[in-house]
Amino acid sequence: MDELKNLESLGLVLPSPAYISGAILFGLFGYVAYRRGRKTSTPALTWTGVALMVYPYAVQQTWLLWGVGVALCGWAYTKWH
């Protein structure tokens, strides 16, 4: 337990379960969108899929992760058809 407190004092904290589940969920949606975009030759859907897979690495706040993820999923949904 002391190791965890030492890491927290250095500024390293573990992500919340909501963050981890969001990163996994949006990564999976991104992979599906990427595959669909490549199959149908739709660049907007392909790049939206890439963005969904990559952006969790750049975002630290859980609310921002979910907000951007929902927005990108909405954008991918409009390009799906």
N, C-alpha and C. Protein backbone atom coordinates (compact mmCIF):
# COMPACT_ATOMS: atom_id res chain seq x y z
N MET A 1 0.83 -1.19 0.00
CA MET A 1 0.00 0.00 0.00
C MET A 1 0.87 1.26 0.00
N ASP A 2 2.06 1.16 0.59
CA ASP A 2 2.96 2.30 0.59
C ASP A 2 3.43 2.65 -0.82
N GLU A 3 3.58 1.65 -1.67
CA GLU A 3 4.00 1.90 -3.04
C GLU A 3 2.97 2.75 -3.78
N LEU A 4 1.70 2.44 -3.55
CA LEU A 4 0.62 3.20 -4.19
C LEU A 4 0.62 4.65 -3.72
N LYS A 5 0.84 4.86 -2.43
CA LYS A 5 0.90 6.23 -1.91
C LYS A 5 2.13 6.96 -2.44
N ASN A 6 3.24 6.26 -2.60
CA ASN A 6 4.43 6.87 -3.16
C ASN A 6 4.20 7.29 -4.61
N LEU A 7 3.54 6.44 -5.38
CA LEU A 7 3.24 6.78 -6.77
C LEU A 7 2.28 7.96 -6.85
N GLU A 8 1.29 8.00 -5.96
CA GLU A 8 0.35 9.12 -5.95
C GLU A 8 1.05 10.42 -5.59
N SER A 9 2.04 10.36 -4.72
CA SER A 9 2.77 11.58 -4.37
C SER A 9 3.61 12.07 -5.55
N LEU A 10 3.96 11.17 -6.47
CA LEU A 10 4.70 11.56 -7.67
C LEU A 10 3.77 12.05 -8.79
N GLY A 11 2.47 11.96 -8.57
CA GLY A 11 1.51 12.40 -9.58
C GLY A 11 0.99 11.28 -10.46
N LEU A 12 1.34 10.05 -10.18
CA LEU A 12 0.86 8.92 -10.96
C LEU A 12 -0.33 8.29 -10.25
N VAL A 13 -1.48 8.34 -10.89
CA VAL A 13 -2.69 7.76 -10.30
C VAL A 13 -3.29 6.78 -11.29
N LEU A 14 -3.95 5.78 -10.76
CA LEU A 14 -4.61 4.79 -11.60
C LEU A 14 -5.91 5.37 -12.15
N PRO A 15 -6.25 5.05 -13.40
CA PRO A 15 -7.51 5.54 -13.95
C PRO A 15 -8.69 4.84 -13.28
N SER A 16 -9.84 5.52 -13.32
CA SER A 16 -11.04 4.95 -12.72
C SER A 16 -11.60 3.84 -13.61
N PRO A 17 -12.44 2.98 -13.05
CA PRO A 17 -13.07 1.94 -13.86
C PRO A 17 -13.92 2.52 -15.00
N ALA A 18 -14.53 3.69 -14.78
CA ALA A 18 -15.31 4.33 -15.85
C ALA A 18 -14.41 4.74 -17.00
N TYR A 19 -13.21 5.21 -16.70
CA TYR A 19 -12.27 5.60 -17.74
C TYR A 19 -11.80 4.38 -18.52
N ILE A 20 -11.45 3.32 -17.81
CA ILE A 20 -10.96 2.11 -18.47
C ILE A 20 -12.04 1.50 -19.37
N SER A 21 -13.27 1.42 -18.86
CA SER A 21 -14.35 0.85 -19.67
C SER A 21 -14.64 1.73 -20.88
N GLY A 22 -14.58 3.05 -20.72
CA GLY A 22 -14.79 3.94 -21.86
C GLY A 22 -13.70 3.80 -22.91
N ALA A 23 -12.46 3.69 -22.47
CA ALA A 23 -11.35 3.54 -23.41
C ALA A 23 -11.48 2.24 -24.20
N ILE A 24 -11.88 1.17 -23.52
CA ILE A 24 -12.07 -0.11 -24.21
C ILE A 24 -13.25 -0.05 -25.17
N LEU A 25 -14.36 0.51 -24.70
CA LEU A 25 -15.56 0.60 -25.52
C LEU A 25 -15.33 1.43 -26.78
N PHE A 26 -14.75 2.61 -26.62
CA PHE A 26 -14.53 3.47 -27.79
C PHE A 26 -13.43 2.92 -28.69
N GLY A 27 -12.49 2.20 -28.12
CA GLY A 27 -11.49 1.53 -28.95
C GLY A 27 -12.10 0.46 -29.82
N LEU A 28 -13.03 -0.31 -29.25
CA LEU A 28 -13.72 -1.34 -30.04
C LEU A 28 -14.60 -0.72 -31.13
N PHE A 29 -15.33 0.34 -30.77
CA PHE A 29 -16.14 1.03 -31.78
C PHE A 29 -15.25 1.61 -32.88
N GLY A 30 -14.11 2.13 -32.48
CA GLY A 30 -13.17 2.67 -33.46
C GLY A 30 -12.65 1.61 -34.39
N TYR A 31 -12.36 0.45 -33.87
CA TYR A 31 -11.88 -0.64 -34.71
C TYR A 31 -12.94 -1.06 -35.73
N VAL A 32 -14.19 -1.17 -35.26
CA VAL A 32 -15.29 -1.54 -36.17
C VAL A 32 -15.48 -0.46 -37.23
N ALA A 33 -15.45 0.80 -36.84
CA ALA A 33 -15.61 1.89 -37.80
C ALA A 33 -14.45 1.91 -38.80
N TYR A 34 -13.24 1.67 -38.33
CA TYR A 34 -12.08 1.63 -39.22
C TYR A 34 -12.23 0.52 -40.25
N ARG A 35 -12.61 -0.66 -39.79
CA ARG A 35 -12.76 -1.79 -40.72
C ARG A 35 -13.86 -1.51 -41.74
N ARG A 36 -14.98 -0.95 -41.27
CA ARG A 36 -16.09 -0.64 -42.18
C ARG A 36 -15.68 0.44 -43.18
N GLY A 37 -14.96 1.44 -42.72
CA GLY A 37 -14.50 2.49 -43.62
C GLY A 37 -13.54 1.99 -44.67
N ARG A 38 -12.66 1.07 -44.29
CA ARG A 38 -11.74 0.49 -45.27
C ARG A 38 -12.48 -0.39 -46.28
N LYS A 39 -13.45 -1.13 -45.79
CA LYS A 39 -14.20 -2.04 -46.66
C LYS A 39 -15.03 -1.28 -47.68
N THR A 40 -15.64 -0.16 -47.25
CA THR A 40 -16.52 0.61 -48.13
C THR A 40 -15.81 1.79 -48.79
N SER A 41 -14.51 1.92 -48.58
CA SER A 41 -13.71 3.02 -49.14
C SER A 41 -14.29 4.38 -48.76
N THR A 42 -14.59 4.54 -47.48
CA THR A 42 -15.11 5.80 -46.94
C THR A 42 -14.04 6.41 -46.03
N PRO A 43 -13.28 7.39 -46.54
CA PRO A 43 -12.19 7.95 -45.74
C PRO A 43 -12.64 8.60 -44.43
N ALA A 44 -13.80 9.25 -44.44
CA ALA A 44 -14.27 9.90 -43.22
C ALA A 44 -14.52 8.88 -42.12
N LEU A 45 -15.09 7.76 -42.46
CA LEU A 45 -15.36 6.71 -41.48
C LEU A 45 -14.05 6.04 -41.03
N THR A 46 -13.14 5.86 -41.95
CA THR A 46 -11.85 5.26 -41.61
C THR A 46 -11.10 6.12 -40.61
N TRP A 47 -11.02 7.42 -40.88
CA TRP A 47 -10.26 8.31 -40.00
C TRP A 47 -10.99 8.55 -38.68
N THR A 48 -12.30 8.49 -38.69
CA THR A 48 -13.04 8.58 -37.43
C THR A 48 -12.74 7.36 -36.57
N GLY A 49 -12.65 6.21 -37.19
CA GLY A 49 -12.28 4.99 -36.47
C GLY A 49 -10.88 5.10 -35.87
N VAL A 50 -9.95 5.65 -36.62
CA VAL A 50 -8.59 5.85 -36.11
C VAL A 50 -8.62 6.81 -34.92
N ALA A 51 -9.38 7.88 -35.05
CA ALA A 51 -9.48 8.86 -33.95
C ALA A 51 -10.07 8.22 -32.70
N LEU A 52 -11.09 7.38 -32.87
CA LEU A 52 -11.70 6.70 -31.73
C LEU A 52 -10.73 5.75 -31.03
N MET A 53 -9.84 5.15 -31.80
CA MET A 53 -8.88 4.24 -31.20
C MET A 53 -7.72 4.96 -30.52
N VAL A 54 -7.37 6.15 -30.99
CA VAL A 54 -6.15 6.82 -30.52
C VAL A 54 -6.41 7.86 -29.43
N TYR A 55 -7.53 8.56 -29.48
CA TYR A 55 -7.71 9.70 -28.59
C TYR A 55 -7.70 9.37 -27.09
N PRO A 56 -8.07 8.16 -26.64
CA PRO A 56 -7.99 7.90 -25.19
C PRO A 56 -6.57 8.04 -24.62
N TYR A 57 -5.56 7.91 -25.47
CA TYR A 57 -4.19 8.07 -25.00
C TYR A 57 -3.85 9.52 -24.71
N ALA A 58 -4.60 10.45 -25.29
CA ALA A 58 -4.30 11.88 -25.13
C ALA A 58 -5.19 12.56 -24.10
N VAL A 59 -6.25 11.91 -23.65
CA VAL A 59 -7.22 12.52 -22.75
C VAL A 59 -7.05 11.92 -21.36
N GLN A 60 -7.05 12.77 -20.33
CA GLN A 60 -6.86 12.27 -18.98
C GLN A 60 -8.14 12.32 -18.14
N GLN A 61 -9.04 13.23 -18.42
CA GLN A 61 -10.27 13.36 -17.64
C GLN A 61 -11.33 12.39 -18.17
N THR A 62 -12.03 11.76 -17.25
CA THR A 62 -13.06 10.78 -17.63
C THR A 62 -14.22 11.44 -18.36
N TRP A 63 -14.67 12.61 -17.89
CA TRP A 63 -15.79 13.28 -18.54
C TRP A 63 -15.43 13.67 -19.97
N LEU A 64 -14.18 14.06 -20.20
CA LEU A 64 -13.75 14.43 -21.54
C LEU A 64 -13.65 13.21 -22.44
N LEU A 65 -13.19 12.10 -21.88
CA LEU A 65 -13.12 10.86 -22.64
C LEU A 65 -14.49 10.46 -23.15
N TRP A 66 -15.49 10.48 -22.26
CA TRP A 66 -16.85 10.10 -22.65
C TRP A 66 -17.48 11.12 -23.58
N GLY A 67 -17.24 12.40 -23.35
CA GLY A 67 -17.82 13.44 -24.22
C GLY A 67 -17.30 13.36 -25.64
N VAL A 68 -15.99 13.28 -25.79
CA VAL A 68 -15.39 13.18 -27.12
C VAL A 68 -15.77 11.86 -27.78
N GLY A 69 -15.80 10.78 -26.99
CA GLY A 69 -16.16 9.47 -27.54
C GLY A 69 -17.57 9.43 -28.08
N VAL A 70 -18.50 9.99 -27.34
CA VAL A 70 -19.89 10.02 -27.81
C VAL A 70 -20.01 10.89 -29.06
N ALA A 71 -19.31 12.01 -29.09
CA ALA A 71 -19.35 12.89 -30.27
C ALA A 71 -18.76 12.19 -31.49
N LEU A 72 -17.64 11.52 -31.33
CA LEU A 72 -17.04 10.81 -32.46
C LEU A 72 -17.90 9.63 -32.92
N CYS A 73 -18.54 8.95 -31.97
CA CYS A 73 -19.45 7.86 -32.36
C CYS A 73 -20.65 8.39 -33.12
N GLY A 74 -21.16 9.55 -32.71
CA GLY A 74 -22.25 10.18 -33.45
C GLY A 74 -21.84 10.55 -34.86
N TRP A 75 -20.63 11.09 -35.00
CA TRP A 75 -20.11 11.44 -36.32
C TRP A 75 -19.95 10.17 -37.17
N ALA A 76 -19.43 9.10 -36.59
CA ALA A 76 -19.26 7.84 -37.32
C ALA A 76 -20.62 7.28 -37.74
N TYR A 77 -21.62 7.44 -36.88
CA TYR A 77 -22.95 6.94 -37.22
C TYR A 77 -23.52 7.66 -38.44
N THR A 78 -23.28 8.97 -38.54
CA THR A 78 -23.78 9.71 -39.71
C THR A 78 -23.05 9.30 -40.99
N LYS A 79 -21.82 8.84 -40.88
CA LYS A 79 -21.05 8.43 -42.06
C LYS A 79 -21.21 6.94 -42.37
N TRP A 80 -21.90 6.19 -41.50
CA TRP A 80 -22.00 4.75 -41.65
C TRP A 80 -22.79 4.36 -42.88
N HIS A 81 -23.81 5.13 -43.22
CA HIS A 81 -24.71 4.74 -44.31
C HIS A 81 -24.28 5.28 -45.63
